[in-house]
Amino acid sequence: MNKDHAYHQIALACLKALRTPAAAAAHDPAQALYEVIDQAFSQQTALLLAELDDCQHRLSSIAALDPQRHTLADAQAIARHTGPSH
């Protein structure tokens, strides 16, 4: 995930909240918007943490390779493996 994609998702959540009648009728519309931003930010953070976990797993797998049985190509294959996209 890149920064632009994360910002775009947060902006979409904000726009959706601003168009929702419940948000406009809220006692404090700004607070309602803050809550939407917080939720969207939390979702994006969770995605980044999942990507970090995946990268840590790949690095551990590369570190565990036996140099007598594995090659640089094996390590590169692990590094390039792409799992589900977020």
Protein backbone atom coordinates (compact mmCIF):
# COMPACT_ATOMS: atom_id res chain seq x y z
CA MET A 1 0.00 0.00 0.00
CA ASN A 2 1.23 3.48 -0.69
CA LYS A 3 0.56 6.76 1.07
CA ASP A 4 -1.64 8.11 -1.72
CA HIS A 5 -3.91 5.05 -1.57
CA ALA A 6 -4.23 5.31 2.21
CA TYR A 7 -5.06 9.04 2.03
CA HIS A 8 -7.56 8.36 -0.74
CA GLN A 9 -9.37 5.77 1.38
CA ILE A 10 -9.52 8.16 4.33
CA ALA A 11 -10.77 10.98 2.10
CA LEU A 12 -13.51 8.73 0.71
CA ALA A 13 -14.62 7.88 4.25
CA CYS A 14 -14.75 11.60 5.07
CA LEU A 15 -16.77 12.43 1.97
CA LYS A 16 -19.20 9.62 2.72
CA ALA A 17 -19.63 10.91 6.28
CA LEU A 18 -20.22 14.46 5.08
CA ARG A 19 -22.93 13.25 2.71
CA THR A 20 -24.69 11.22 5.40
CA PRO A 21 -27.69 13.02 6.91
CA ALA A 22 -26.97 11.53 10.35
CA ALA A 23 -23.55 13.20 10.41
CA ALA A 24 -25.01 16.54 9.42
CA ALA A 25 -27.69 16.25 12.10
CA ALA A 26 -25.22 15.22 14.79
CA HIS A 27 -24.86 17.45 17.84
CA ASP A 28 -21.24 18.05 16.90
CA PRO A 29 -20.68 17.38 13.16
CA ALA A 30 -16.96 17.99 13.53
CA GLN A 31 -16.73 15.27 16.20
CA ALA A 32 -18.69 12.90 13.96
CA LEU A 33 -16.20 13.58 11.18
CA TYR A 34 -13.26 13.04 13.55
CA GLU A 35 -14.68 9.65 14.46
CA VAL A 36 -14.95 8.69 10.78
CA ILE A 37 -11.37 9.83 10.20
CA ASP A 38 -10.19 7.86 13.22
CA GLN A 39 -11.95 4.70 12.04
CA ALA A 40 -10.58 5.04 8.48
CA PHE A 41 -7.09 5.75 9.82
CA SER A 42 -7.31 2.68 12.06
CA GLN A 43 -8.28 0.52 9.08
CA GLN A 44 -5.33 1.80 7.06
CA THR A 45 -2.99 1.24 10.00
CA ALA A 46 -4.23 -2.34 10.32
CA LEU A 47 -3.39 -2.93 6.66
CA LEU A 48 0.09 -1.52 7.14
CA LEU A 49 0.63 -3.74 10.18
CA ALA A 50 -0.43 -6.76 8.14
CA GLU A 51 2.09 -5.81 5.44
CA LEU A 52 4.79 -5.37 8.08
CA ASP A 53 4.01 -8.80 9.53
CA ASP A 54 4.29 -10.31 6.04
CA CYS A 55 7.66 -8.63 5.47
CA GLN A 56 8.95 -9.84 8.84
CA HIS A 57 7.86 -13.38 7.97
CA ARG A 58 9.68 -13.20 4.63
CA LEU A 59 12.85 -11.91 6.25
CA SER A 60 12.72 -14.70 8.82
CA SER A 61 12.27 -17.24 6.03
CA ILE A 62 15.25 -15.82 4.16
CA ALA A 63 17.38 -15.83 7.32
CA ALA A 64 16.51 -19.49 7.90
CA LEU A 65 17.72 -20.60 4.46
CA ASP A 66 20.61 -23.05 4.53
CA PRO A 67 23.43 -21.62 2.40
CA GLN A 68 24.53 -25.16 1.53
CA ARG A 69 21.16 -26.00 -0.02
CA HIS A 70 19.74 -22.64 -1.12
CA THR A 71 20.83 -19.96 -3.53
CA LEU A 72 20.39 -16.25 -3.87
CA ALA A 73 17.56 -17.02 -6.28
CA ASP A 74 15.72 -18.83 -3.48
CA ALA A 75 16.00 -15.77 -1.25
CA GLN A 76 14.89 -13.50 -4.09
CA ALA A 77 11.85 -15.70 -4.72
CA ILE A 78 10.84 -15.35 -1.07
CA ALA A 79 11.40 -11.59 -1.17
CA ARG A 80 9.36 -11.16 -4.35
CA HIS A 81 6.46 -13.36 -3.28
CA THR A 82 3.31 -11.33 -3.39
CA GLY A 83 0.45 -12.36 -1.20
CA PRO A 84 -3.03 -10.87 -1.13
CA SER A 85 -3.03 -7.20 -1.98
CA HIS A 86 -4.53 -4.71 0.44
